[in-house]
Amino acid sequence: MKCSFCGKEIAPGRARIVVKDDGNFLTFCSSKCERNMLGVKRSPQKVKWTENYHEEKKIKLYGKEKKAKKKEIVEEKKAKKKKLSKKERREIRKRRKEEKKIKKKSGEHGKDVRNDKT
């Protein structure tokens, strides 16, 4: 069971339950949450210590689409790691080491050293 205000998980037997006139019920983990929702009538999306606030913030910063894309990318990477053979993994490591060397050679100026033969 989750708190209706902060979204925190409530242990069994610890919840305060309030039944509204329309038949819906609200569960609260503490009197703090109950007062904020019913007494002061604050919105959980505007109070920084609630889960709703953090979810809204993530959506504002990254958007729903980017969040979904990130999950897809992570899943694809995991799938690729499993499918690669030892030889392919070695080749990838070699390429990464070469790229690091190139970056070190170019230094702070950002020159492209790959084609330079000096």
Protein backbone atom coordinates (compact mmCIF):
# COMPACT_ATOMS: atom_id res chain seq x y z
CA MET A 1 0.00 0.00 0.00
CA LYS A 2 1.35 3.46 -0.88
CA CYS A 3 0.75 6.84 0.73
CA SER A 4 -1.67 8.97 -1.30
CA PHE A 5 0.45 12.08 -0.77
CA CYS A 6 4.15 11.22 -0.71
CA GLY A 7 4.03 7.85 -2.51
CA LYS A 8 6.06 6.10 0.19
CA GLU A 9 5.42 2.40 0.82
CA ILE A 10 3.39 1.85 4.02
CA ALA A 11 3.89 -1.16 6.27
CA PRO A 12 0.75 -3.24 6.96
CA GLY A 13 -1.24 -1.92 9.91
CA ARG A 14 0.48 1.48 9.87
CA ALA A 15 -1.69 3.37 7.39
CA ARG A 16 -4.25 6.04 8.21
CA ILE A 17 -7.23 5.60 5.92
CA VAL A 18 -9.66 8.43 5.13
CA VAL A 19 -12.83 7.72 3.17
CA LYS A 20 -14.15 10.62 1.12
CA ASP A 21 -17.84 11.41 0.52
CA ASP A 22 -17.69 10.00 -3.00
CA GLY A 23 -16.46 6.62 -1.72
CA ASN A 24 -12.80 6.97 -2.66
CA PHE A 25 -10.32 6.38 0.09
CA LEU A 26 -6.94 7.97 0.78
CA THR A 27 -4.12 6.29 2.67
CA PHE A 28 -1.48 8.25 4.57
CA CYS A 29 1.81 7.16 6.11
CA SER A 30 1.93 10.00 8.64
CA SER A 31 -0.01 12.94 9.99
CA LYS A 32 2.38 15.16 8.05
CA CYS A 33 1.09 13.78 4.75
CA GLU A 34 -2.52 13.89 5.93
CA ARG A 35 -2.28 17.56 6.98
CA ASN A 36 -0.55 18.56 3.74
CA MET A 37 -3.21 16.96 1.57
CA LEU A 38 -6.42 17.55 3.53
CA GLY A 39 -5.66 20.46 5.85
CA VAL A 40 -3.37 22.69 3.80
CA LYS A 41 -4.54 21.24 0.45
CA ARG A 42 -1.11 21.13 -1.11
CA SER A 43 -0.43 19.42 -4.40
CA PRO A 44 2.03 16.48 -4.14
CA GLN A 45 3.60 17.59 -7.43
CA LYS A 46 4.73 20.88 -5.85
CA VAL A 47 6.19 19.50 -2.59
CA LYS A 48 9.87 18.56 -3.07
CA TRP A 49 10.01 15.55 -0.75
CA THR A 50 7.29 13.55 -2.54
CA GLU A 51 7.73 10.94 -5.28
CA ASN A 52 5.24 12.79 -7.50
CA TYR A 53 7.48 15.87 -7.45
CA HIS A 54 10.51 13.86 -8.56
CA GLU A 55 8.55 12.13 -11.33
CA GLU A 56 7.27 15.46 -12.66
CA LYS A 57 10.79 16.89 -12.52
CA LYS A 58 12.17 13.97 -14.56
CA ILE A 59 9.46 14.42 -17.17
CA LYS A 60 10.19 18.16 -17.41
CA LEU A 61 13.94 17.60 -17.76
CA TYR A 62 14.07 14.55 -20.00
CA GLY A 63 10.56 14.03 -21.30
CA LYS A 64 8.77 10.72 -21.58
CA GLU A 65 10.21 9.91 -25.00
CA LYS A 66 13.83 10.30 -23.96
CA LYS A 67 13.25 8.17 -20.89
CA ALA A 68 11.82 5.39 -23.04
CA LYS A 69 14.67 5.72 -25.56
CA LYS A 70 17.30 5.43 -22.82
CA LYS A 71 15.74 2.18 -21.62
CA GLU A 72 15.73 0.81 -25.17
CA ILE A 73 19.38 1.77 -25.67
CA VAL A 74 20.42 0.08 -22.43
CA GLU A 75 18.52 -3.07 -23.37
CA GLU A 76 20.12 -3.11 -26.83
CA LYS A 77 23.60 -2.75 -25.32
CA LYS A 78 22.96 -5.63 -22.95
CA ALA A 79 21.73 -7.80 -25.80
CA LYS A 80 24.76 -6.93 -27.93
CA LYS A 81 27.19 -7.74 -25.12
CA LYS A 82 25.74 -11.21 -24.84
CA LYS A 83 25.93 -11.89 -28.57
CA LEU A 84 29.53 -10.73 -29.13
CA SER A 85 32.25 -13.34 -29.42
CA LYS A 86 35.61 -13.04 -27.67
CA LYS A 87 37.33 -11.91 -30.86
CA GLU A 88 34.80 -9.14 -31.42
CA ARG A 89 35.18 -7.95 -27.83
CA ARG A 90 38.97 -7.85 -28.22
CA GLU A 91 38.65 -5.80 -31.42
CA ILE A 92 36.35 -3.33 -29.67
CA ARG A 93 38.82 -2.96 -26.79
CA LYS A 94 41.67 -2.35 -29.24
CA ARG A 95 39.66 0.34 -31.05
CA ARG A 96 38.84 2.05 -27.76
CA LYS A 97 42.50 2.02 -26.70
CA GLU A 98 43.51 3.52 -30.07
CA GLU A 99 40.88 6.24 -29.71
CA LYS A 100 42.20 7.10 -26.24
CA LYS A 101 45.74 7.34 -27.61
CA ILE A 102 44.55 9.62 -30.39
CA LYS A 103 42.81 11.87 -27.89
CA LYS A 104 45.95 12.03 -25.74
CA LYS A 105 48.10 12.92 -28.77
CA SER A 106 45.75 15.67 -29.88
CA GLY A 107 45.96 17.20 -26.41
CA GLU A 108 43.90 20.17 -25.39
CA HIS A 109 43.76 21.72 -28.85
CA GLY A 110 41.41 19.13 -30.24
CA LYS A 111 43.45 18.46 -33.39
CA ASP A 112 42.70 15.37 -35.41
CA VAL A 113 45.92 13.32 -35.31
CA ARG A 114 44.66 10.25 -37.18
CA ASN A 115 45.65 11.50 -40.63
CA ASP A 116 48.83 13.32 -39.53
CA LYS A 117 52.02 11.35 -40.22
CA THR A 118 54.43 13.62 -38.41
